[in-house]
Each structure stands twice: as C-alpha cells, then as structure tokens.
Amino acid sequence: MDTTFLDRIAANVRETRNRIDIAAQKSGRHGSEVTLVAVSKYAATGDEMIDALVAAGCTDLGEARPQLLQEKAEFYHSYPIRWHLIGSLQRNKIRKIISVTTLIHSLDSIRLAEALNRIVQEECDLGNIPENAKPVHCLLEAAISGDVEKHGFPLHEIPESLEQLGELKNITVDGFMCMSGLESDEHETRMEFSAVRQLAESLRQHGTPSNITLKILSMGMSDDFEIAVEEGATLVRIGSRLYQ
C-alpha cells in the first residue's frame, strides 16, 4: 500500500478527531464521548481505502446501501469493523444486513420497525442468526428540517411512536439520527440539532419503555459535525473530509 496515501488518510482522521475534541470541550465533554463513523460508501470493495481507514483507527464504518454493506462486511469479515447502516432501509433488504450490522441509523417508520422486529424473530427461529443476536440496535430517524425528500418521524410524533416501538422486543431504539436542512444556515442547523437533544433529554427524564434508551445522538456530517458535537452529538458520520 502507498505509504503517502496511508499518511494522508491518517492525517485527515487525526485532524477530524482533533476538531471533534475541540467541539466537545465547548459542550463540557471529552472527544472520546463522540464516536466517529467513517462513511465508506466512497470506497470500493477491495480497494485500499478501507484498509487505510482501519489503519488510521477507524473501526466504525458507515454504508448507505444495504447491498454494499453486506458485500463489504463479508469481504472484510476478519477486520475489527463495526458496520453502520446510515442510508434508507427497505423491508426487502432487512434479511441481508441484520446479522452484520452494529447499528441501523434509519428506522424511519413504524411499518419498518414492525417488519424488522418480525424478521429478526423469523431468522432466529430458522437458525440463520443466533438468539443472542437479538435485539437489533437502531436509531429513530428524526425529521427536523422539513426537506421533503428526507424521511423520518416529525418531532411531535416521536413520544407516541416510542410507545408503539416499546412493544417490539426484538429491536432496541438506542437514540436518534437526524440531518440538518439542505438550506439551513449555521443558526438554523444549531437549533435543529438542539431540538433533538432536548427531546431525548426530556423523554429520558420522563421514562421510556425498557427497549428504548435514547443514549445515542447521531447528528452531523462533514459540513456541520462541529455544530452537532457542540449541541450534544455522541456520533458523527464523516465521509468526504476524510478523503481529501
């Protein structure tokens, strides 16, 4: 592997982690409290990019497409990688990824949650995944920006939806994922992330079903991750800036 390439990726990872550290300090936290998920959708299976990311200490990798997540998880099965599905999940793709995905970031409807809950049980009953693979860990996609092409639960619907999700014992809702608006300026982005953090704090304070913890806030990407961390993100999804 080209050592210059390795050095460049490692330098990008270090710079990003340093910026996470600085942003976390502004919110009274330490950078170690924020997980960096390196978006690997730009890397082809078998090329040097994923090797370089892992060598740089990135062991949480995010894929947007279930088929590619399955393909890469199988190809890199001996690597210490925790795979995250950060893109949309269709019900007919659930079986492909439930055994290899650490965290699904895109639980965007009750219908999808019910299908996921059912299929996890079916796969366990068939012996395709072990019983201890349950529950599957997910994040509820919060619709905060008003962008029509984005999916998810409007904030005002989330409390009632969590009561329904509390009945689905084959899944755990570990928190929220959200994306700022395409046209949002810095102030609007900050308010959007802050609203999700405040909702999570309020719901935890009032109590949630046993399979809903709301400890993770997946907020922020390459263009706005520092704002997200300042507003309480515990996980950021970074792609393009790692490949510069």
C-alpha atoms as a PDB file:
ATOM      1  CA  MET A   1       0.000   0.000   0.000  1.00  0.00           C
ATOM      2  CA  ASP A   2       1.222   3.501  -0.867  1.00  0.00           C
ATOM      3  CA  THR A   3       2.586   4.990   2.357  1.00  0.00           C
ATOM      4  CA  THR A   4       1.840   8.525   1.111  1.00  0.00           C
ATOM      5  CA  PHE A   5      -1.809   7.556   0.737  1.00  0.00           C
ATOM      6  CA  LEU A   6      -1.839   5.972   4.192  1.00  0.00           C
ATOM      7  CA  ASP A   7      -0.268   9.071   5.709  1.00  0.00           C
ATOM      8  CA  ARG A   8      -2.802  11.372   4.034  1.00  0.00           C
ATOM      9  CA  ILE A   9      -5.806   9.403   5.300  1.00  0.00           C
ATOM     10  CA  ALA A  10      -4.289   9.153   8.791  1.00  0.00           C
ATOM     11  CA  ALA A  11      -3.683  12.921   8.817  1.00  0.00           C
ATOM     12  CA  ASN A  12      -7.296  13.592   7.787  1.00  0.00           C
ATOM     13  CA  VAL A  13      -8.559  11.300  10.563  1.00  0.00           C
ATOM     14  CA  ARG A  14      -6.319  12.993  13.147  1.00  0.00           C
ATOM     15  CA  GLU A  15      -7.455  16.463  12.089  1.00  0.00           C
ATOM     16  CA  THR A  16     -11.109  15.417  12.240  1.00  0.00           C
ATOM     17  CA  ARG A  17     -10.710  13.858  15.684  1.00  0.00           C
ATOM     18  CA  ASN A  18      -8.938  16.998  16.883  1.00  0.00           C
ATOM     19  CA  ARG A  19     -11.833  19.146  15.687  1.00  0.00           C
ATOM     20  CA  ILE A  20     -14.248  16.786  17.437  1.00  0.00           C
ATOM     21  CA  ASP A  21     -12.217  17.179  20.653  1.00  0.00           C
ATOM     22  CA  ILE A  22     -12.379  20.978  20.454  1.00  0.00           C
ATOM     23  CA  ALA A  23     -16.122  20.997  19.743  1.00  0.00           C
ATOM     24  CA  ALA A  24     -16.784  18.527  22.568  1.00  0.00           C
ATOM     25  CA  GLN A  25     -14.892  20.710  25.045  1.00  0.00           C
ATOM     26  CA  LYS A  26     -17.235  23.582  24.188  1.00  0.00           C
ATOM     27  CA  SER A  27     -20.136  21.447  25.441  1.00  0.00           C
ATOM     28  CA  GLY A  28     -18.280  20.340  28.562  1.00  0.00           C
ATOM     29  CA  ARG A  29     -17.417  16.900  27.246  1.00  0.00           C
ATOM     30  CA  HIS A  30     -14.393  14.961  26.044  1.00  0.00           C
ATOM     31  CA  GLY A  31     -13.889  13.972  22.436  1.00  0.00           C
ATOM     32  CA  SER A  32     -13.773  10.307  23.456  1.00  0.00           C
ATOM     33  CA  GLU A  33     -17.508  10.580  24.151  1.00  0.00           C
ATOM     34  CA  VAL A  34     -18.138  11.089  20.413  1.00  0.00           C
ATOM     35  CA  THR A  35     -17.894   8.152  18.002  1.00  0.00           C
ATOM     36  CA  LEU A  36     -16.512   8.885  14.564  1.00  0.00           C
ATOM     37  CA  VAL A  37     -18.243   6.809  11.899  1.00  0.00           C
ATOM     38  CA  ALA A  38     -16.193   6.952   8.707  1.00  0.00           C
ATOM     39  CA  VAL A  39     -18.504   6.812   5.709  1.00  0.00           C
ATOM     40  CA  SER A  40     -17.068   4.110   3.481  1.00  0.00           C
ATOM     41  CA  LYS A  41     -19.554   4.412   0.609  1.00  0.00           C
ATOM     42  CA  TYR A  42     -16.817   6.177  -1.368  1.00  0.00           C
ATOM     43  CA  ALA A  43     -14.570   3.116  -1.104  1.00  0.00           C
ATOM     44  CA  ALA A  44     -14.920   0.164  -3.473  1.00  0.00           C
ATOM     45  CA  THR A  45     -14.752  -3.326  -2.033  1.00  0.00           C
ATOM     46  CA  GLY A  46     -11.150  -4.473  -2.088  1.00  0.00           C
ATOM     47  CA  ASP A  47      -9.529  -1.109  -2.725  1.00  0.00           C
ATOM     48  CA  GLU A  48      -7.080   0.448  -0.272  1.00  0.00           C
ATOM     49  CA  MET A  49      -9.418   2.995   1.274  1.00  0.00           C
ATOM     50  CA  ILE A  50     -10.982   0.788   3.923  1.00  0.00           C
ATOM     51  CA  ASP A  51      -7.577  -0.643   4.808  1.00  0.00           C
ATOM     52  CA  ALA A  52      -6.299   2.915   5.228  1.00  0.00           C
ATOM     53  CA  LEU A  53      -9.248   3.911   7.414  1.00  0.00           C
ATOM     54  CA  VAL A  54      -8.809   0.891   9.665  1.00  0.00           C
ATOM     55  CA  ALA A  55      -5.064   1.521   9.867  1.00  0.00           C
ATOM     56  CA  ALA A  56      -5.886   5.083  10.968  1.00  0.00           C
ATOM     57  CA  GLY A  57      -8.036   3.728  13.803  1.00  0.00           C
ATOM     58  CA  CYS A  58     -11.465   3.999  12.188  1.00  0.00           C
ATOM     59  CA  THR A  59     -13.270   0.804  13.085  1.00  0.00           C
ATOM     60  CA  ASP A  60     -16.813   2.202  12.870  1.00  0.00           C
ATOM     61  CA  LEU A  61     -17.698   2.383   9.178  1.00  0.00           C
ATOM     62  CA  GLY A  62     -20.945   3.591   7.644  1.00  0.00           C
ATOM     63  CA  GLU A  63     -22.591   2.374   4.455  1.00  0.00           C
ATOM     64  CA  ALA A  64     -25.630   3.930   2.793  1.00  0.00           C
ATOM     65  CA  ARG A  65     -26.744   0.932   0.708  1.00  0.00           C
ATOM     66  CA  PRO A  66     -27.652  -2.403   2.321  1.00  0.00           C
ATOM     67  CA  GLN A  67     -26.312  -4.463  -0.580  1.00  0.00           C
ATOM     68  CA  LEU A  68     -22.876  -2.831  -0.352  1.00  0.00           C
ATOM     69  CA  LEU A  69     -22.848  -3.131   3.421  1.00  0.00           C
ATOM     70  CA  GLN A  70     -23.468  -6.866   3.130  1.00  0.00           C
ATOM     71  CA  GLU A  71     -20.815  -7.203   0.421  1.00  0.00           C
ATOM     72  CA  LYS A  72     -18.162  -5.309   2.360  1.00  0.00           C
ATOM     73  CA  ALA A  73     -18.972  -6.969   5.667  1.00  0.00           C
ATOM     74  CA  GLU A  74     -18.393 -10.353   4.048  1.00  0.00           C
ATOM     75  CA  PHE A  75     -15.218  -9.262   2.255  1.00  0.00           C
ATOM     76  CA  TYR A  76     -13.704  -7.660   5.379  1.00  0.00           C
ATOM     77  CA  HIS A  77     -15.042 -10.239   7.839  1.00  0.00           C
ATOM     78  CA  SER A  78     -11.646 -10.633   9.520  1.00  0.00           C
ATOM     79  CA  TYR A  79     -11.277  -6.891  10.155  1.00  0.00           C
ATOM     80  CA  PRO A  80     -12.316  -5.352  13.519  1.00  0.00           C
ATOM     81  CA  ILE A  81     -15.042  -3.280  11.864  1.00  0.00           C
ATOM     82  CA  ARG A  82     -18.413  -2.303  13.329  1.00  0.00           C
ATOM     83  CA  TRP A  83     -20.721  -1.674  10.377  1.00  0.00           C
ATOM     84  CA  HIS A  84     -23.385   1.044  10.483  1.00  0.00           C
ATOM     85  CA  LEU A  85     -26.242   1.339   8.001  1.00  0.00           C
ATOM     86  CA  ILE A  86     -26.627   5.084   7.533  1.00  0.00           C
ATOM     87  CA  GLY A  87     -28.908   5.068   4.488  1.00  0.00           C
ATOM     88  CA  SER A  88     -32.518   4.098   3.980  1.00  0.00           C
ATOM     89  CA  LEU A  89     -33.561   0.523   4.653  1.00  0.00           C
ATOM     90  CA  GLN A  90     -36.279  -1.131   2.597  1.00  0.00           C
ATOM     91  CA  ARG A  91     -38.152  -4.004   4.164  1.00  0.00           C
ATOM     92  CA  ASN A  92     -36.980  -6.443   1.478  1.00  0.00           C
ATOM     93  CA  LYS A  93     -33.336  -5.742   2.379  1.00  0.00           C
ATOM     94  CA  ILE A  94     -33.623  -6.437   6.114  1.00  0.00           C
ATOM     95  CA  ARG A  95     -32.518 -10.077   5.949  1.00  0.00           C
ATOM     96  CA  LYS A  96     -29.335  -9.101   4.111  1.00  0.00           C
ATOM     97  CA  ILE A  97     -27.939  -6.891   6.826  1.00  0.00           C
ATOM     98  CA  ILE A  98     -29.289  -7.785  10.280  1.00  0.00           C
ATOM     99  CA  SER A  99     -26.528 -10.277  11.060  1.00  0.00           C
ATOM    100  CA  VAL A 100     -23.659  -7.947  10.101  1.00  0.00           C
ATOM    101  CA  THR A 101     -24.858  -4.504  11.174  1.00  0.00           C
ATOM    102  CA  THR A 102     -23.926  -2.999  14.541  1.00  0.00           C
ATOM    103  CA  LEU A 103     -26.357  -0.084  14.308  1.00  0.00           C
ATOM    104  CA  ILE A 104     -29.136   0.845  11.882  1.00  0.00           C
ATOM    105  CA  HIS A 105     -29.392   4.647  11.764  1.00  0.00           C
ATOM    106  CA  SER A 106     -32.510   4.895   9.613  1.00  0.00           C
ATOM    107  CA  LEU A 107     -35.543   3.492  11.406  1.00  0.00           C
ATOM    108  CA  ASP A 108     -37.975   5.863   9.723  1.00  0.00           C
ATOM    109  CA  SER A 109     -41.441   4.353  10.217  1.00  0.00           C
ATOM    110  CA  ILE A 110     -43.480   2.108  12.463  1.00  0.00           C
ATOM    111  CA  ARG A 111     -44.060  -0.158   9.465  1.00  0.00           C
ATOM    112  CA  LEU A 112     -40.320  -0.681   9.010  1.00  0.00           C
ATOM    113  CA  ALA A 113     -39.868  -1.288  12.748  1.00  0.00           C
ATOM    114  CA  GLU A 114     -42.603  -3.935  12.769  1.00  0.00           C
ATOM    115  CA  ALA A 115     -41.064  -5.672   9.753  1.00  0.00           C
ATOM    116  CA  LEU A 116     -37.626  -5.582  11.368  1.00  0.00           C
ATOM    117  CA  ASN A 117     -38.979  -6.986  14.634  1.00  0.00           C
ATOM    118  CA  ARG A 118     -40.760  -9.821  12.802  1.00  0.00           C
ATOM    119  CA  ILE A 119     -37.869 -10.745  10.502  1.00  0.00           C
ATOM    120  CA  VAL A 120     -35.348 -10.831  13.351  1.00  0.00           C
ATOM    121  CA  GLN A 121     -37.523 -13.388  15.123  1.00  0.00           C
ATOM    122  CA  GLU A 122     -38.025 -15.414  11.934  1.00  0.00           C
ATOM    123  CA  GLU A 123     -34.281 -15.526  11.250  1.00  0.00           C
ATOM    124  CA  CYS A 124     -33.630 -16.646  14.815  1.00  0.00           C
ATOM    125  CA  ASP A 125     -36.276 -19.353  14.568  1.00  0.00           C
ATOM    126  CA  LEU A 126     -34.709 -20.590  11.310  1.00  0.00           C
ATOM    127  CA  GLY A 127     -31.266 -20.664  12.873  1.00  0.00           C
ATOM    128  CA  ASN A 128     -29.905 -18.122  10.422  1.00  0.00           C
ATOM    129  CA  ILE A 129     -28.847 -15.795  13.211  1.00  0.00           C
ATOM    130  CA  PRO A 130     -28.171 -16.767  16.831  1.00  0.00           C
ATOM    131  CA  GLU A 131     -30.689 -15.980  19.536  1.00  0.00           C
ATOM    132  CA  ASN A 132     -28.162 -13.703  21.210  1.00  0.00           C
ATOM    133  CA  ALA A 133     -28.216 -11.501  18.096  1.00  0.00           C
ATOM    134  CA  LYS A 134     -31.429 -10.016  19.464  1.00  0.00           C
ATOM    135  CA  PRO A 135     -32.297  -7.264  19.898  1.00  0.00           C
ATOM    136  CA  VAL A 136     -31.162  -5.410  16.782  1.00  0.00           C
ATOM    137  CA  HIS A 137     -29.916  -1.920  17.608  1.00  0.00           C
ATOM    138  CA  CYS A 138     -31.481   1.029  15.791  1.00  0.00           C
ATOM    139  CA  LEU A 139     -31.762   4.788  15.798  1.00  0.00           C
ATOM    140  CA  LEU A 140     -35.041   6.547  15.161  1.00  0.00           C
ATOM    141  CA  GLU A 141     -34.725   8.919  12.232  1.00  0.00           C
ATOM    142  CA  ALA A 142     -35.991  12.317  13.346  1.00  0.00           C
ATOM    143  CA  ALA A 143     -37.318  14.606  10.615  1.00  0.00           C
ATOM    144  CA  ILE A 144     -36.163  18.051  11.710  1.00  0.00           C
ATOM    145  CA  SER A 145     -35.523  20.041   8.544  1.00  0.00           C
ATOM    146  CA  GLY A 146     -38.738  19.992   6.574  1.00  0.00           C
ATOM    147  CA  ASP A 147     -36.902  18.816   3.448  1.00  0.00           C
ATOM    148  CA  VAL A 148     -39.490  16.848   1.514  1.00  0.00           C
ATOM    149  CA  GLU A 149     -37.041  14.197   0.294  1.00  0.00           C
ATOM    150  CA  LYS A 150     -35.989  13.255   3.813  1.00  0.00           C
ATOM    151  CA  HIS A 151     -37.751  10.531   5.762  1.00  0.00           C
ATOM    152  CA  GLY A 152     -38.389  10.035   9.438  1.00  0.00           C
ATOM    153  CA  PHE A 153     -40.619  10.949  12.356  1.00  0.00           C
ATOM    154  CA  PRO A 154     -41.625  14.575  12.977  1.00  0.00           C
ATOM    155  CA  LEU A 155     -40.530  15.518  16.482  1.00  0.00           C
ATOM    156  CA  HIS A 156     -44.072  15.982  17.769  1.00  0.00           C
ATOM    157  CA  GLU A 157     -44.951  12.398  16.766  1.00  0.00           C
ATOM    158  CA  ILE A 158     -41.977  10.744  18.443  1.00  0.00           C
ATOM    159  CA  PRO A 159     -43.322  10.365  22.031  1.00  0.00           C
ATOM    160  CA  GLU A 160     -46.393   8.451  20.859  1.00  0.00           C
ATOM    161  CA  SER A 161     -44.338   6.442  18.361  1.00  0.00           C
ATOM    162  CA  LEU A 162     -41.944   5.332  21.096  1.00  0.00           C
ATOM    163  CA  GLU A 163     -44.849   3.811  22.998  1.00  0.00           C
ATOM    164  CA  GLN A 164     -45.611   1.681  19.932  1.00  0.00           C
ATOM    165  CA  LEU A 165     -41.958   0.780  19.467  1.00  0.00           C
ATOM    166  CA  GLY A 166     -41.780  -0.259  23.101  1.00  0.00           C
ATOM    167  CA  GLU A 167     -43.876  -3.314  22.203  1.00  0.00           C
ATOM    168  CA  LEU A 168     -41.287  -4.588  19.704  1.00  0.00           C
ATOM    169  CA  LYS A 169     -38.860  -6.545  21.853  1.00  0.00           C
ATOM    170  CA  ASN A 170     -36.570  -7.727  19.033  1.00  0.00           C
ATOM    171  CA  ILE A 171     -35.318  -4.189  18.475  1.00  0.00           C
ATOM    172  CA  THR A 172     -33.714  -1.589  20.707  1.00  0.00           C
ATOM    173  CA  VAL A 173     -34.016   2.116  19.950  1.00  0.00           C
ATOM    174  CA  ASP A 174     -30.701   3.488  21.171  1.00  0.00           C
ATOM    175  CA  GLY A 175     -31.354   7.078  20.178  1.00  0.00           C
ATOM    176  CA  PHE A 176     -31.976   9.434  17.290  1.00  0.00           C
ATOM    177  CA  MET A 177     -30.414  10.158  13.926  1.00  0.00           C
ATOM    178  CA  CYS A 178     -31.040  13.428  12.148  1.00  0.00           C
ATOM    179  CA  MET A 179     -29.731  15.593   9.314  1.00  0.00           C
ATOM    180  CA  SER A 180     -29.879  19.351   9.168  1.00  0.00           C
ATOM    181  CA  GLY A 181     -31.786  21.053   6.388  1.00  0.00           C
ATOM    182  CA  LEU A 182     -30.197  21.479   2.992  1.00  0.00           C
ATOM    183  CA  GLU A 183     -30.876  25.209   3.135  1.00  0.00           C
ATOM    184  CA  SER A 184     -30.285  25.672   6.871  1.00  0.00           C
ATOM    185  CA  ASP A 185     -27.760  28.281   7.900  1.00  0.00           C
ATOM    186  CA  GLU A 186     -25.486  27.815  10.915  1.00  0.00           C
ATOM    187  CA  HIS A 187     -28.034  29.191  13.391  1.00  0.00           C
ATOM    188  CA  GLU A 188     -30.856  27.050  11.982  1.00  0.00           C
ATOM    189  CA  THR A 189     -28.636  23.966  11.980  1.00  0.00           C
ATOM    190  CA  ARG A 190     -27.761  24.563  15.615  1.00  0.00           C
ATOM    191  CA  MET A 191     -31.425  24.933  16.542  1.00  0.00           C
ATOM    192  CA  GLU A 192     -32.330  21.736  14.685  1.00  0.00           C
ATOM    193  CA  PHE A 193     -29.697  19.677  16.497  1.00  0.00           C
ATOM    194  CA  SER A 194     -30.517  21.308  19.816  1.00  0.00           C
ATOM    195  CA  ALA A 195     -34.198  20.401  19.434  1.00  0.00           C
ATOM    196  CA  VAL A 196     -33.344  16.710  19.017  1.00  0.00           C
ATOM    197  CA  ARG A 197     -31.030  16.739  22.039  1.00  0.00           C
ATOM    198  CA  GLN A 198     -33.649  18.431  24.189  1.00  0.00           C
ATOM    199  CA  LEU A 199     -36.303  15.942  23.114  1.00  0.00           C
ATOM    200  CA  ALA A 200     -34.039  12.999  24.008  1.00  0.00           C
ATOM    201  CA  GLU A 201     -33.261  14.519  27.399  1.00  0.00           C
ATOM    202  CA  SER A 202     -36.934  15.162  28.127  1.00  0.00           C
ATOM    203  CA  LEU A 203     -38.007  11.671  27.121  1.00  0.00           C
ATOM    204  CA  ARG A 204     -35.287  10.032  29.215  1.00  0.00           C
ATOM    205  CA  GLN A 205     -36.267  12.159  32.204  1.00  0.00           C
ATOM    206  CA  HIS A 206     -39.904  11.106  31.970  1.00  0.00           C
ATOM    207  CA  GLY A 207     -39.060   7.447  31.346  1.00  0.00           C
ATOM    208  CA  THR A 208     -39.206   5.244  28.268  1.00  0.00           C
ATOM    209  CA  PRO A 209     -40.004   1.574  27.571  1.00  0.00           C
ATOM    210  CA  SER A 210     -37.224  -0.839  28.527  1.00  0.00           C
ATOM    211  CA  ASN A 211     -36.061  -1.335  24.924  1.00  0.00           C
ATOM    212  CA  ILE A 212     -35.664   2.397  24.307  1.00  0.00           C
ATOM    213  CA  THR A 213     -32.551   4.030  25.789  1.00  0.00           C
ATOM    214  CA  LEU A 214     -32.067   7.224  23.729  1.00  0.00           C
ATOM    215  CA  LYS A 215     -28.388   7.403  24.688  1.00  0.00           C
ATOM    216  CA  ILE A 216     -27.075   7.960  21.151  1.00  0.00           C
ATOM    217  CA  LEU A 217     -27.479  11.115  19.073  1.00  0.00           C
ATOM    218  CA  SER A 218     -26.212  10.558  15.532  1.00  0.00           C
ATOM    219  CA  MET A 219     -26.020  14.144  14.320  1.00  0.00           C
ATOM    220  CA  GLY A 220     -23.601  15.864  11.996  1.00  0.00           C
ATOM    221  CA  MET A 221     -21.723  15.145   8.802  1.00  0.00           C
ATOM    222  CA  SER A 222     -18.649  16.606   7.104  1.00  0.00           C
ATOM    223  CA  ASP A 223     -20.102  20.112   6.756  1.00  0.00           C
ATOM    224  CA  ASP A 224     -21.709  20.527  10.170  1.00  0.00           C
ATOM    225  CA  PHE A 225     -20.242  17.970  12.579  1.00  0.00           C
ATOM    226  CA  GLU A 226     -18.665  20.559  14.857  1.00  0.00           C
ATOM    227  CA  ILE A 227     -22.008  22.275  15.427  1.00  0.00           C
ATOM    228  CA  ALA A 228     -23.567  18.867  16.051  1.00  0.00           C
ATOM    229  CA  VAL A 229     -20.940  17.951  18.647  1.00  0.00           C
ATOM    230  CA  GLU A 230     -21.346  21.308  20.379  1.00  0.00           C
ATOM    231  CA  GLU A 231     -25.077  20.574  20.572  1.00  0.00           C
ATOM    232  CA  GLY A 232     -24.646  17.112  22.069  1.00  0.00           C
ATOM    233  CA  ALA A 233     -23.978  14.626  19.262  1.00  0.00           C
ATOM    234  CA  THR A 234     -22.497  11.363  20.508  1.00  0.00           C
ATOM    235  CA  LEU A 235     -21.855  10.072  16.997  1.00  0.00           C
ATOM    236  CA  VAL A 236     -20.902  11.868  13.765  1.00  0.00           C
ATOM    237  CA  ARG A 237     -20.901  10.484  10.220  1.00  0.00           C
ATOM    238  CA  ILE A 238     -17.912  11.784   8.271  1.00  0.00           C
ATOM    239  CA  GLY A 239     -17.159  10.977   4.644  1.00  0.00           C
ATOM    240  CA  SER A 240     -15.756  13.479   2.187  1.00  0.00           C
ATOM    241  CA  ARG A 241     -13.362  15.272   4.503  1.00  0.00           C
ATOM    242  CA  LEU A 242     -11.541  12.002   5.253  1.00  0.00           C
ATOM    243  CA  TYR A 243     -10.795  11.507   1.553  1.00  0.00           C
ATOM    244  CA  GLN A 244      -9.426  14.953   0.687  1.00  0.00           C
END
